[in-house]
Amino acid sequence: MEQVLFRRPVEIQLGAHLYYENLSLSEAEAKLDAMKDAGLSWVRMELSEDIDRLGALLTYAKGLGMNTIVICREFSESKARALAVRFGSKVDYYQLGNEIDHARPPWSTTLPYMEDEILTLLGKVRDAILEYDPDAKFIVTFTLKFAERPTLVQRASPLADVVGLDVYTWEGLATLSASLKLLKVLCGGKPVWITEFGAIENQQAYIQACIRRFRQEKIPVALIFAWNHEWYGVEKWFDAKNMGA
């Protein structure tokens, strides 16, 4: 008699980027409560000048049982060092820059960083963090156009424990399998997460389709962009239970 094996669905942990800079501490904490209640287990925030405030939010998120990511951009060595010294235990992953294949230096409005430029700058941030948080873990992220800069992916991946891919548009979702296959080759087999995904139009349908596809591709962590954003925010409607997660 033929035996039928039933496999459990691939688990996926969802999170979202939180814009806290223009919120009071209590307002930002309320956003974290809502994210947790909506079924999100990860929160990403930007490194800011106010280390105390960011640290308080990281501590609050960890108290909720959430995992944390902090974006540390180029030229942020002193702030990143201060974060590592005071709140390193509250940061699960430091994200080095953002979409580094597309990132532009402050002196350019069109051209992206040269490879040596961005790698040197992010390496300085990484070293500053490791000086005081030797067990720190890192993420580097790319856009779906990463294939245009394959050597950058290969050279940047050793800086990180996880490689992130940002996914936007239906076309990008349709070609995700091929993109993931190539990215995994270029990054030497590092774990790949989805570090941003979202839409303005047909938002709910797009996010639900993304989550289904990410499960099929066995993506362990995916971050919605964003929880609270003028155009991309999902806080008014999102509930993981209704999204196939």
Foldseek 3Di string as FASTA:
>chain_A
DDDDDDDDFQAAAEAFEDDPPPPDLVVSLVLLVLRVQLRHQEYEYEQDPPLVSVLVSLVSSVVSVHAYEYEQEFPRLVSLLVNLQPRVVSHQEYEYHAQQVQDCDPVDDHDGDDLVVSQVRSVSNLVSNCVRNVVHFYEYEHELVCVVPLVSLLVCLVSGQEYEYEAEDPVRLVCVVVSVVVSCVSSVNRQYAHEEYADQPPTLVRQLVSVVSCSVVSHHYHYYHHCDDPRTHDSVPRHVVVSVD
